[in-house]
Amino acid sequence: MVKDAPYGAAERLSPLVRRVLARNPSPFTFLGTGTYIVGNGRVAIIDPGPADPAHIEAVARAVEGETVTHHVVTHTHLDHSPAAGPLKARLGGQIAGCAPFSLNDDGPRADAGFDPDYAPDIVLADGEAITGPGWTLRAVHTPGHTSNHLCFALEEEGVLFSGDHVMGWSTTVVAPPDGDMAAYMASLAKLLERDDRRYFPTHGAPIGEPQRLVRHLMAHRRQRETQILNHLAEGPRTIPAMVEQMYASIDRQLWPAAGRSVLAHLIDLEQKGAVRRDGDSWART
């Protein structure tokens, strides 16, 4: 993928994979949602995308003359799953993938909200697969970004569709109450045990050395954890006070969302017995 990839056009990424980019760029989606088409003739659509009529039309146009067997969803954020229903009604096929989950969360979000209308025909557990002629998509349960997040391995090409668990342009948002830092780190460790040769994330460019990136992401989170503990070693701190120091170089408008990431680390550290809460403050144990 090139950075100026055209919106609405199907890009051929491999013999089995095409991608259509939704025009929903933002500080949290990069250029937009990448909807993947797997197979030729009888195909699956991965992360159908937002409820954007132009994007839905572009995806439908990309599979014209083909049979859609599945609309596959990694998780139920509003930039991933809402187009599944309209595309199913138009093209046929079954909605498959993660379990339904919706959360009313009016806190400062760093990503899209949840899709309350997601209605899968097939919920895939870890290791279960859907198939078509010449392709197999096997679910890999990777909670952390959300509790219901799945990646999908295209076994014939050694490719992993990594959803938002590993992105091609930024670190993943882990925001409580549903985002879970301990689960996210465990899911990264799980991916390190695999031998996928390439990742296709829903946001950002394909990742050619995925294990190297996963190790980097794990190291980044450990560094952030150490940074938090160092701040608390100087005495109790509130999350806003820590964010002001830790994220001094980013736009202040993003600080409330950054605070959710700090909270995710603190909850993990609390569960490990390393920190404790005292009202709005946190302290070392």
C-alpha atoms as a PDB file:
ATOM      1  CA  MET A   1       0.000   0.000   0.000  1.00  0.00           C
ATOM      2  CA  VAL A   2       1.243   3.452  -0.850  1.00  0.00           C
ATOM      3  CA  LYS A   3       0.383   6.356   1.386  1.00  0.00           C
ATOM      4  CA  ASP A   4      -1.818   8.027  -1.223  1.00  0.00           C
ATOM      5  CA  ALA A   5      -3.752   4.834  -1.985  1.00  0.00           C
ATOM      6  CA  PRO A   6      -6.977   5.831  -3.742  1.00  0.00           C
ATOM      7  CA  TYR A   7     -10.190   5.639  -1.748  1.00  0.00           C
ATOM      8  CA  GLY A   8     -12.821   3.266  -3.057  1.00  0.00           C
ATOM      9  CA  ALA A   9     -10.509   1.309  -5.385  1.00  0.00           C
ATOM     10  CA  ALA A  10      -9.642  -2.359  -4.879  1.00  0.00           C
ATOM     11  CA  GLU A  11      -5.868  -2.740  -4.423  1.00  0.00           C
ATOM     12  CA  ARG A  12      -4.346  -6.145  -5.145  1.00  0.00           C
ATOM     13  CA  LEU A  13      -1.986  -6.990  -2.243  1.00  0.00           C
ATOM     14  CA  SER A  14      -1.391 -10.684  -2.933  1.00  0.00           C
ATOM     15  CA  PRO A  15      -2.830 -13.460  -5.112  1.00  0.00           C
ATOM     16  CA  LEU A  16      -5.634 -13.975  -2.591  1.00  0.00           C
ATOM     17  CA  VAL A  17      -6.061 -10.510  -1.061  1.00  0.00           C
ATOM     18  CA  ARG A  18      -7.469  -7.181  -2.224  1.00  0.00           C
ATOM     19  CA  ARG A  19      -8.143  -4.103  -0.126  1.00  0.00           C
ATOM     20  CA  VAL A  20     -10.656  -1.236  -0.341  1.00  0.00           C
ATOM     21  CA  LEU A  21      -9.902   1.844   1.759  1.00  0.00           C
ATOM     22  CA  ALA A  22     -12.786   3.698   3.418  1.00  0.00           C
ATOM     23  CA  ARG A  23     -12.698   7.472   3.421  1.00  0.00           C
ATOM     24  CA  ASN A  24     -12.765   7.845   7.215  1.00  0.00           C
ATOM     25  CA  PRO A  25      -9.299   9.185   8.066  1.00  0.00           C
ATOM     26  CA  SER A  26      -8.739  10.473  11.599  1.00  0.00           C
ATOM     27  CA  PRO A  27      -6.025  10.712  14.253  1.00  0.00           C
ATOM     28  CA  PHE A  28      -7.083   7.201  15.320  1.00  0.00           C
ATOM     29  CA  THR A  29      -7.795   5.481  11.965  1.00  0.00           C
ATOM     30  CA  PHE A  30      -4.835   6.862   9.979  1.00  0.00           C
ATOM     31  CA  LEU A  31      -5.918   6.954   6.304  1.00  0.00           C
ATOM     32  CA  GLY A  32      -9.119   5.042   7.077  1.00  0.00           C
ATOM     33  CA  THR A  33     -10.505   1.531   7.513  1.00  0.00           C
ATOM     34  CA  GLY A  34      -8.989  -1.084   5.222  1.00  0.00           C
ATOM     35  CA  THR A  35     -11.628  -3.607   4.143  1.00  0.00           C
ATOM     36  CA  TYR A  36     -10.052  -6.805   2.812  1.00  0.00           C
ATOM     37  CA  ILE A  37     -11.438  -9.175   0.199  1.00  0.00           C
ATOM     38  CA  VAL A  38     -10.057 -12.718   0.428  1.00  0.00           C
ATOM     39  CA  GLY A  39     -10.267 -15.198  -2.435  1.00  0.00           C
ATOM     40  CA  ASN A  40     -11.299 -15.099  -6.054  1.00  0.00           C
ATOM     41  CA  GLY A  41     -14.762 -16.014  -7.283  1.00  0.00           C
ATOM     42  CA  ARG A  42     -16.108 -17.077  -3.881  1.00  0.00           C
ATOM     43  CA  VAL A  43     -14.818 -14.557  -1.388  1.00  0.00           C
ATOM     44  CA  ALA A  44     -14.862 -13.351   2.211  1.00  0.00           C
ATOM     45  CA  ILE A  45     -14.881  -9.679   3.214  1.00  0.00           C
ATOM     46  CA  ILE A  46     -12.868  -8.839   6.356  1.00  0.00           C
ATOM     47  CA  ASP A  47     -13.805  -5.783   8.456  1.00  0.00           C
ATOM     48  CA  PRO A  48     -16.571  -4.451   6.180  1.00  0.00           C
ATOM     49  CA  GLY A  49     -16.077  -0.995   7.665  1.00  0.00           C
ATOM     50  CA  PRO A  50     -18.186   1.970   8.738  1.00  0.00           C
ATOM     51  CA  ALA A  51     -21.796   2.636   7.757  1.00  0.00           C
ATOM     52  CA  ASP A  52     -20.684   4.866   4.896  1.00  0.00           C
ATOM     53  CA  PRO A  53     -22.789   4.486   1.716  1.00  0.00           C
ATOM     54  CA  ALA A  54     -19.843   5.388  -0.517  1.00  0.00           C
ATOM     55  CA  HIS A  55     -17.652   2.722   1.076  1.00  0.00           C
ATOM     56  CA  ILE A  56     -20.398   0.112   0.951  1.00  0.00           C
ATOM     57  CA  GLU A  57     -20.854   0.885  -2.744  1.00  0.00           C
ATOM     58  CA  ALA A  58     -17.100   0.620  -3.356  1.00  0.00           C
ATOM     59  CA  VAL A  59     -16.870  -2.790  -1.661  1.00  0.00           C
ATOM     60  CA  ALA A  60     -19.896  -4.059  -3.584  1.00  0.00           C
ATOM     61  CA  ARG A  61     -18.346  -2.854  -6.823  1.00  0.00           C
ATOM     62  CA  ALA A  62     -15.060  -4.589  -5.988  1.00  0.00           C
ATOM     63  CA  VAL A  63     -16.762  -8.010  -5.725  1.00  0.00           C
ATOM     64  CA  GLU A  64     -19.119  -7.575  -8.673  1.00  0.00           C
ATOM     65  CA  GLY A  65     -19.614 -10.913 -10.423  1.00  0.00           C
ATOM     66  CA  GLU A  66     -18.322 -12.866  -7.416  1.00  0.00           C
ATOM     67  CA  THR A  67     -20.120 -14.687  -4.592  1.00  0.00           C
ATOM     68  CA  VAL A  68     -19.605 -13.392  -1.062  1.00  0.00           C
ATOM     69  CA  THR A  69     -19.726 -16.260   1.421  1.00  0.00           C
ATOM     70  CA  HIS A  70     -18.766 -14.413   4.622  1.00  0.00           C
ATOM     71  CA  HIS A  71     -18.530 -10.920   6.086  1.00  0.00           C
ATOM     72  CA  VAL A  72     -15.804 -11.351   8.709  1.00  0.00           C
ATOM     73  CA  VAL A  73     -15.467  -8.984  11.689  1.00  0.00           C
ATOM     74  CA  THR A  74     -12.437  -8.621  13.978  1.00  0.00           C
ATOM     75  CA  HIS A  75     -14.288  -6.553  16.610  1.00  0.00           C
ATOM     76  CA  THR A  76     -17.316  -4.334  16.927  1.00  0.00           C
ATOM     77  CA  HIS A  77     -16.004  -0.770  16.886  1.00  0.00           C
ATOM     78  CA  LEU A  78     -17.960   1.541  14.618  1.00  0.00           C
ATOM     79  CA  ASP A  79     -15.178   1.794  12.041  1.00  0.00           C
ATOM     80  CA  HIS A  80     -15.099  -2.002  11.565  1.00  0.00           C
ATOM     81  CA  SER A  81     -18.475  -3.763  11.706  1.00  0.00           C
ATOM     82  CA  PRO A  82     -21.484  -1.545  10.777  1.00  0.00           C
ATOM     83  CA  ALA A  83     -21.200  -2.145   7.008  1.00  0.00           C
ATOM     84  CA  ALA A  84     -21.577  -5.901   7.537  1.00  0.00           C
ATOM     85  CA  GLY A  85     -25.388  -5.755   7.740  1.00  0.00           C
ATOM     86  CA  PRO A  86     -25.950  -3.619   4.635  1.00  0.00           C
ATOM     87  CA  LEU A  87     -23.429  -5.648   2.628  1.00  0.00           C
ATOM     88  CA  LYS A  88     -25.063  -8.924   3.702  1.00  0.00           C
ATOM     89  CA  ALA A  89     -28.472  -7.595   2.657  1.00  0.00           C
ATOM     90  CA  ARG A  90     -27.088  -6.563  -0.713  1.00  0.00           C
ATOM     91  CA  LEU A  91     -24.629  -9.359  -1.493  1.00  0.00           C
ATOM     92  CA  GLY A  92     -25.729 -12.333   0.593  1.00  0.00           C
ATOM     93  CA  GLY A  93     -23.351 -14.369   2.733  1.00  0.00           C
ATOM     94  CA  GLN A  94     -23.105 -14.837   6.481  1.00  0.00           C
ATOM     95  CA  ILE A  95     -21.694 -12.472   9.097  1.00  0.00           C
ATOM     96  CA  ALA A  96     -18.943 -14.329  10.939  1.00  0.00           C
ATOM     97  CA  GLY A  97     -16.277 -13.513  13.464  1.00  0.00           C
ATOM     98  CA  CYS A  98     -16.180 -11.999  16.928  1.00  0.00           C
ATOM     99  CA  ALA A  99     -18.898 -12.278  19.540  1.00  0.00           C
ATOM    100  CA  PRO A 100     -21.332  -9.364  19.791  1.00  0.00           C
ATOM    101  CA  PHE A 101     -20.362  -6.789  22.372  1.00  0.00           C
ATOM    102  CA  SER A 102     -21.543  -3.253  22.995  1.00  0.00           C
ATOM    103  CA  LEU A 103     -20.480  -0.867  25.725  1.00  0.00           C
ATOM    104  CA  ASN A 104     -21.977   2.451  26.720  1.00  0.00           C
ATOM    105  CA  ASP A 105     -18.863   4.434  27.461  1.00  0.00           C
ATOM    106  CA  ASP A 106     -19.118   8.212  27.575  1.00  0.00           C
ATOM    107  CA  GLY A 107     -15.564   8.743  28.781  1.00  0.00           C
ATOM    108  CA  PRO A 108     -12.831  10.351  26.654  1.00  0.00           C
ATOM    109  CA  ARG A 109     -12.390   7.804  23.875  1.00  0.00           C
ATOM    110  CA  ALA A 110      -9.283   7.356  21.760  1.00  0.00           C
ATOM    111  CA  ASP A 111     -11.097   5.339  19.115  1.00  0.00           C
ATOM    112  CA  ALA A 112     -14.582   4.626  17.804  1.00  0.00           C
ATOM    113  CA  GLY A 113     -17.484   3.555  19.977  1.00  0.00           C
ATOM    114  CA  PHE A 114     -19.140   0.146  19.795  1.00  0.00           C
ATOM    115  CA  ASP A 115     -21.659  -1.079  17.209  1.00  0.00           C
ATOM    116  CA  PRO A 116     -24.898  -2.034  19.018  1.00  0.00           C
ATOM    117  CA  ASP A 117     -26.445  -3.517  15.856  1.00  0.00           C
ATOM    118  CA  TYR A 118     -23.811  -6.144  15.086  1.00  0.00           C
ATOM    119  CA  ALA A 119     -25.601  -9.485  14.621  1.00  0.00           C
ATOM    120  CA  PRO A 120     -23.306 -12.373  13.618  1.00  0.00           C
ATOM    121  CA  ASP A 121     -24.591 -15.581  12.066  1.00  0.00           C
ATOM    122  CA  ILE A 122     -21.433 -17.406  13.142  1.00  0.00           C
ATOM    123  CA  VAL A 123     -19.346 -16.635  16.244  1.00  0.00           C
ATOM    124  CA  LEU A 124     -15.856 -18.075  15.893  1.00  0.00           C
ATOM    125  CA  ALA A 125     -13.867 -19.344  18.861  1.00  0.00           C
ATOM    126  CA  ASP A 126     -10.090 -19.392  18.954  1.00  0.00           C
ATOM    127  CA  GLY A 127      -8.819 -21.858  16.334  1.00  0.00           C
ATOM    128  CA  GLU A 128     -12.086 -22.215  14.441  1.00  0.00           C
ATOM    129  CA  ALA A 129     -12.055 -21.527  10.705  1.00  0.00           C
ATOM    130  CA  ILE A 130     -14.183 -20.596   7.741  1.00  0.00           C
ATOM    131  CA  THR A 131     -13.152 -21.728   4.275  1.00  0.00           C
ATOM    132  CA  GLY A 132     -13.662 -21.091   0.589  1.00  0.00           C
ATOM    133  CA  PRO A 133     -12.059 -22.341  -2.617  1.00  0.00           C
ATOM    134  CA  GLY A 134      -8.314 -21.964  -2.110  1.00  0.00           C
ATOM    135  CA  TRP A 135      -8.513 -20.079   1.203  1.00  0.00           C
ATOM    136  CA  THR A 136      -8.834 -20.745   4.927  1.00  0.00           C
ATOM    137  CA  LEU A 137      -9.380 -18.069   7.580  1.00  0.00           C
ATOM    138  CA  ARG A 138      -8.635 -19.280  11.107  1.00  0.00           C
ATOM    139  CA  ALA A 139      -9.615 -17.207  14.142  1.00  0.00           C
ATOM    140  CA  VAL A 140      -6.938 -16.158  16.626  1.00  0.00           C
ATOM    141  CA  HIS A 141      -8.463 -14.755  19.828  1.00  0.00           C
ATOM    142  CA  THR A 142      -6.495 -11.627  20.768  1.00  0.00           C
ATOM    143  CA  PRO A 143      -8.279  -9.720  23.551  1.00  0.00           C
ATOM    144  CA  GLY A 144      -6.825  -6.489  24.855  1.00  0.00           C
ATOM    145  CA  HIS A 145      -7.865  -3.705  22.495  1.00  0.00           C
ATOM    146  CA  THR A 146     -11.358  -5.079  23.075  1.00  0.00           C
ATOM    147  CA  SER A 147     -12.438  -8.212  24.914  1.00  0.00           C
ATOM    148  CA  ASN A 148     -13.981  -9.698  21.747  1.00  0.00           C
ATOM    149  CA  HIS A 149     -11.089  -8.985  19.345  1.00  0.00           C
ATOM    150  CA  LEU A 150     -10.099 -11.652  16.812  1.00  0.00           C
ATOM    151  CA  CYS A 151      -7.300 -11.765  14.281  1.00  0.00           C
ATOM    152  CA  PHE A 152      -7.627 -14.056  11.264  1.00  0.00           C
ATOM    153  CA  ALA A 153      -4.866 -16.188   9.753  1.00  0.00           C
ATOM    154  CA  LEU A 154      -4.963 -16.787   5.998  1.00  0.00           C
ATOM    155  CA  GLU A 155      -3.170 -20.108   6.114  1.00  0.00           C
ATOM    156  CA  GLU A 156      -2.435 -20.423   2.401  1.00  0.00           C
ATOM    157  CA  GLU A 157      -0.332 -17.249   2.367  1.00  0.00           C
ATOM    158  CA  GLY A 158       1.077 -17.108   5.895  1.00  0.00           C
ATOM    159  CA  VAL A 159      -0.794 -13.833   6.428  1.00  0.00           C
ATOM    160  CA  LEU A 160      -2.475 -12.575   9.595  1.00  0.00           C
ATOM    161  CA  PHE A 161      -5.254  -9.999   9.395  1.00  0.00           C
ATOM    162  CA  SER A 162      -4.384  -8.250  12.640  1.00  0.00           C
ATOM    163  CA  GLY A 163      -7.381  -5.910  12.980  1.00  0.00           C
ATOM    164  CA  ASP A 164      -6.554  -3.254  15.569  1.00  0.00           C
ATOM    165  CA  HIS A 165      -4.445  -5.570  17.738  1.00  0.00           C
ATOM    166  CA  VAL A 166      -1.341  -4.702  15.714  1.00  0.00           C
ATOM    167  CA  MET A 167      -1.610  -1.676  13.446  1.00  0.00           C
ATOM    168  CA  GLY A 168       0.618  -0.546  10.624  1.00  0.00           C
ATOM    169  CA  TRP A 169       1.079   3.057  11.722  1.00  0.00           C
ATOM    170  CA  SER A 170       0.644   3.452  15.485  1.00  0.00           C
ATOM    171  CA  THR A 171       0.360   1.658  18.790  1.00  0.00           C
ATOM    172  CA  THR A 172      -2.983   0.124  19.669  1.00  0.00           C
ATOM    173  CA  VAL A 173      -5.471   1.877  21.933  1.00  0.00           C
ATOM    174  CA  VAL A 174      -6.064  -0.036  25.171  1.00  0.00           C
ATOM    175  CA  ALA A 175      -8.782   1.872  27.023  1.00  0.00           C
ATOM    176  CA  PRO A 176     -10.673   0.583  30.072  1.00  0.00           C
ATOM    177  CA  PRO A 177     -13.284  -0.466  30.945  1.00  0.00           C
ATOM    178  CA  ASP A 178     -13.211  -3.002  28.090  1.00  0.00           C
ATOM    179  CA  GLY A 179      -9.594  -2.533  27.058  1.00  0.00           C
ATOM    180  CA  ASP A 180      -7.312  -4.684  29.192  1.00  0.00           C
ATOM    181  CA  MET A 181      -3.529  -4.203  29.286  1.00  0.00           C
ATOM    182  CA  ALA A 182      -2.738  -7.619  30.784  1.00  0.00           C
ATOM    183  CA  ALA A 183      -4.840  -9.319  28.092  1.00  0.00           C
ATOM    184  CA  TYR A 184      -3.258  -7.167  25.381  1.00  0.00           C
ATOM    185  CA  MET A 185       0.272  -8.118  26.428  1.00  0.00           C
ATOM    186  CA  ALA A 186      -0.680 -11.797  26.637  1.00  0.00           C
ATOM    187  CA  SER A 187      -2.161 -11.582  23.142  1.00  0.00           C
ATOM    188  CA  LEU A 188       1.054 -10.035  21.799  1.00  0.00           C
ATOM    189  CA  ALA A 189       3.033 -12.869  23.394  1.00  0.00           C
ATOM    190  CA  LYS A 190       0.648 -15.311  21.718  1.00  0.00           C
ATOM    191  CA  LEU A 191       1.393 -13.782  18.314  1.00  0.00           C
ATOM    192  CA  LEU A 192       5.138 -14.085  18.936  1.00  0.00           C
ATOM    193  CA  GLU A 193       4.704 -17.855  19.107  1.00  0.00           C
ATOM    194  CA  ARG A 194       3.242 -17.891  15.582  1.00  0.00           C
ATOM    195  CA  ASP A 195       5.168 -17.916  12.308  1.00  0.00           C
ATOM    196  CA  ASP A 196       3.056 -15.508  10.243  1.00  0.00           C
ATOM    197  CA  ARG A 197       5.155 -13.943   7.496  1.00  0.00           C
ATOM    198  CA  ARG A 198       3.082 -10.784   7.027  1.00  0.00           C
ATOM    199  CA  TYR A 199       0.344  -8.831   8.799  1.00  0.00           C
ATOM    200  CA  PHE A 200      -2.465  -6.965   7.081  1.00  0.00           C
ATOM    201  CA  PRO A 201      -3.803  -4.509   9.713  1.00  0.00           C
ATOM    202  CA  THR A 202      -7.147  -2.756   9.348  1.00  0.00           C
ATOM    203  CA  HIS A 203      -5.381   0.597   9.689  1.00  0.00           C
ATOM    204  CA  GLY A 204      -2.036   1.262   8.068  1.00  0.00           C
ATOM    205  CA  ALA A 205       0.333  -0.449   5.678  1.00  0.00           C
ATOM    206  CA  PRO A 206       1.092  -4.175   5.503  1.00  0.00           C
ATOM    207  CA  ILE A 207       3.727  -5.276   8.024  1.00  0.00           C
ATOM    208  CA  GLY A 208       6.584  -7.251   6.538  1.00  0.00           C
ATOM    209  CA  GLU A 209       8.513  -8.199   9.700  1.00  0.00           C
ATOM    210  CA  PRO A 210       5.661  -8.822  12.129  1.00  0.00           C
ATOM    211  CA  GLN A 211       7.548 -10.574  14.944  1.00  0.00           C
ATOM    212  CA  ARG A 212      10.058  -7.712  15.078  1.00  0.00           C
ATOM    213  CA  LEU A 213       7.211  -5.194  15.383  1.00  0.00           C
ATOM    214  CA  VAL A 214       5.438  -7.264  18.051  1.00  0.00           C
ATOM    215  CA  ARG A 215       8.621  -7.352  20.139  1.00  0.00           C
ATOM    216  CA  HIS A 216       8.903  -3.573  19.730  1.00  0.00           C
ATOM    217  CA  LEU A 217       5.291  -3.065  20.837  1.00  0.00           C
ATOM    218  CA  MET A 218       5.833  -5.202  23.932  1.00  0.00           C
ATOM    219  CA  ALA A 219       9.005  -3.287  24.796  1.00  0.00           C
ATOM    220  CA  HIS A 220       7.188   0.032  24.349  1.00  0.00           C
ATOM    221  CA  ARG A 221       4.485  -0.991  26.824  1.00  0.00           C
ATOM    222  CA  ARG A 222       7.058  -2.183  29.340  1.00  0.00           C
ATOM    223  CA  GLN A 223       8.870   1.156  29.035  1.00  0.00           C
ATOM    224  CA  ARG A 224       5.593   2.990  29.638  1.00  0.00           C
ATOM    225  CA  GLU A 225       4.955   0.840  32.709  1.00  0.00           C
ATOM    226  CA  THR A 226       8.430   1.648  34.032  1.00  0.00           C
ATOM    227  CA  GLN A 227       7.823   5.348  33.398  1.00  0.00           C
ATOM    228  CA  ILE A 228       4.622   5.226  35.456  1.00  0.00           C
ATOM    229  CA  LEU A 229       6.361   3.416  38.330  1.00  0.00           C
ATOM    230  CA  ASN A 230       9.173   5.970  38.292  1.00  0.00           C
ATOM    231  CA  HIS A 231       6.676   8.813  38.600  1.00  0.00           C
ATOM    232  CA  LEU A 232       4.937   7.080  41.496  1.00  0.00           C
ATOM    233  CA  ALA A 233       8.287   6.464  43.216  1.00  0.00           C
ATOM    234  CA  GLU A 234       8.383  10.221  43.785  1.00  0.00           C
ATOM    235  CA  GLY A 235       5.032  10.112  45.578  1.00  0.00           C
ATOM    236  CA  PRO A 236       1.313   9.672  44.874  1.00  0.00           C
ATOM    237  CA  ARG A 237       0.133  11.071  41.542  1.00  0.00           C
ATOM    238  CA  THR A 238      -3.171  11.599  39.752  1.00  0.00           C
ATOM    239  CA  ILE A 239      -3.538  10.391  36.186  1.00  0.00           C
ATOM    240  CA  PRO A 240      -3.828  13.945  34.742  1.00  0.00           C
ATOM    241  CA  ALA A 241      -0.579  14.923  36.493  1.00  0.00           C
ATOM    242  CA  MET A 242       1.228  11.924  35.025  1.00  0.00           C
ATOM    243  CA  VAL A 243      -0.220  12.507  31.567  1.00  0.00           C
ATOM    244  CA  GLU A 244       0.952  16.136  31.606  1.00  0.00           C
ATOM    245  CA  GLN A 245       4.533  14.952  32.062  1.00  0.00           C
ATOM    246  CA  MET A 246       4.471  11.728  30.044  1.00  0.00           C
ATOM    247  CA  TYR A 247       2.674  13.145  27.011  1.00  0.00           C
ATOM    248  CA  ALA A 248       4.024  16.696  27.011  1.00  0.00           C
ATOM    249  CA  SER A 249       4.962  16.455  23.328  1.00  0.00           C
ATOM    250  CA  ILE A 250       1.495  15.530  21.978  1.00  0.00           C
ATOM    251  CA  ASP A 251      -1.576  17.691  21.337  1.00  0.00           C
ATOM    252  CA  ARG A 252      -3.278  18.524  24.649  1.00  0.00           C
ATOM    253  CA  GLN A 253      -6.617  17.575  23.069  1.00  0.00           C
ATOM    254  CA  LEU A 254      -5.372  13.973  23.108  1.00  0.00           C
ATOM    255  CA  TRP A 255      -4.466  14.011  26.790  1.00  0.00           C
ATOM    256  CA  PRO A 256      -7.834  12.719  28.081  1.00  0.00           C
ATOM    257  CA  ALA A 257      -7.538   9.720  25.749  1.00  0.00           C
ATOM    258  CA  ALA A 258      -3.900   9.231  26.805  1.00  0.00           C
ATOM    259  CA  GLY A 259      -5.185   9.105  30.355  1.00  0.00           C
ATOM    260  CA  ARG A 260      -7.199   6.008  29.470  1.00  0.00           C
ATOM    261  CA  SER A 261      -3.994   4.280  28.392  1.00  0.00           C
ATOM    262  CA  VAL A 262      -2.288   5.250  31.659  1.00  0.00           C
ATOM    263  CA  LEU A 263      -5.320   3.915  33.533  1.00  0.00           C
ATOM    264  CA  ALA A 264      -5.012   0.586  31.687  1.00  0.00           C
ATOM    265  CA  HIS A 265      -1.400   0.291  32.850  1.00  0.00           C
ATOM    266  CA  LEU A 266      -2.323   1.261  36.416  1.00  0.00           C
ATOM    267  CA  ILE A 267      -5.101  -1.344  36.585  1.00  0.00           C
ATOM    268  CA  ASP A 268      -2.630  -3.974  35.397  1.00  0.00           C
ATOM    269  CA  LEU A 269      -0.056  -2.843  37.961  1.00  0.00           C
ATOM    270  CA  GLU A 270      -2.710  -2.844  40.687  1.00  0.00           C
ATOM    271  CA  GLN A 271      -3.610  -6.440  39.837  1.00  0.00           C
ATOM    272  CA  LYS A 272       0.086  -7.315  40.116  1.00  0.00           C
ATOM    273  CA  GLY A 273       0.227  -5.679  43.556  1.00  0.00           C
ATOM    274  CA  ALA A 274       2.674  -2.967  42.475  1.00  0.00           C
ATOM    275  CA  VAL A 275       0.408   0.068  42.975  1.00  0.00           C
ATOM    276  CA  ARG A 276      -2.687   1.041  44.916  1.00  0.00           C
ATOM    277  CA  ARG A 277      -5.450   3.613  44.513  1.00  0.00           C
ATOM    278  CA  ASP A 278      -6.157   6.344  47.010  1.00  0.00           C
ATOM    279  CA  GLY A 279      -9.167   8.301  45.766  1.00  0.00           C
ATOM    280  CA  ASP A 280      -8.093  10.011  42.551  1.00  0.00           C
ATOM    281  CA  SER A 281      -4.415   9.355  43.222  1.00  0.00           C
ATOM    282  CA  TRP A 282      -2.209   6.331  42.710  1.00  0.00           C
ATOM    283  CA  ALA A 283       0.792   5.285  44.774  1.00  0.00           C
ATOM    284  CA  ARG A 284       3.451   2.573  44.890  1.00  0.00           C
ATOM    285  CA  THR A 285       2.704  -0.245  47.309  1.00  0.00           C
END
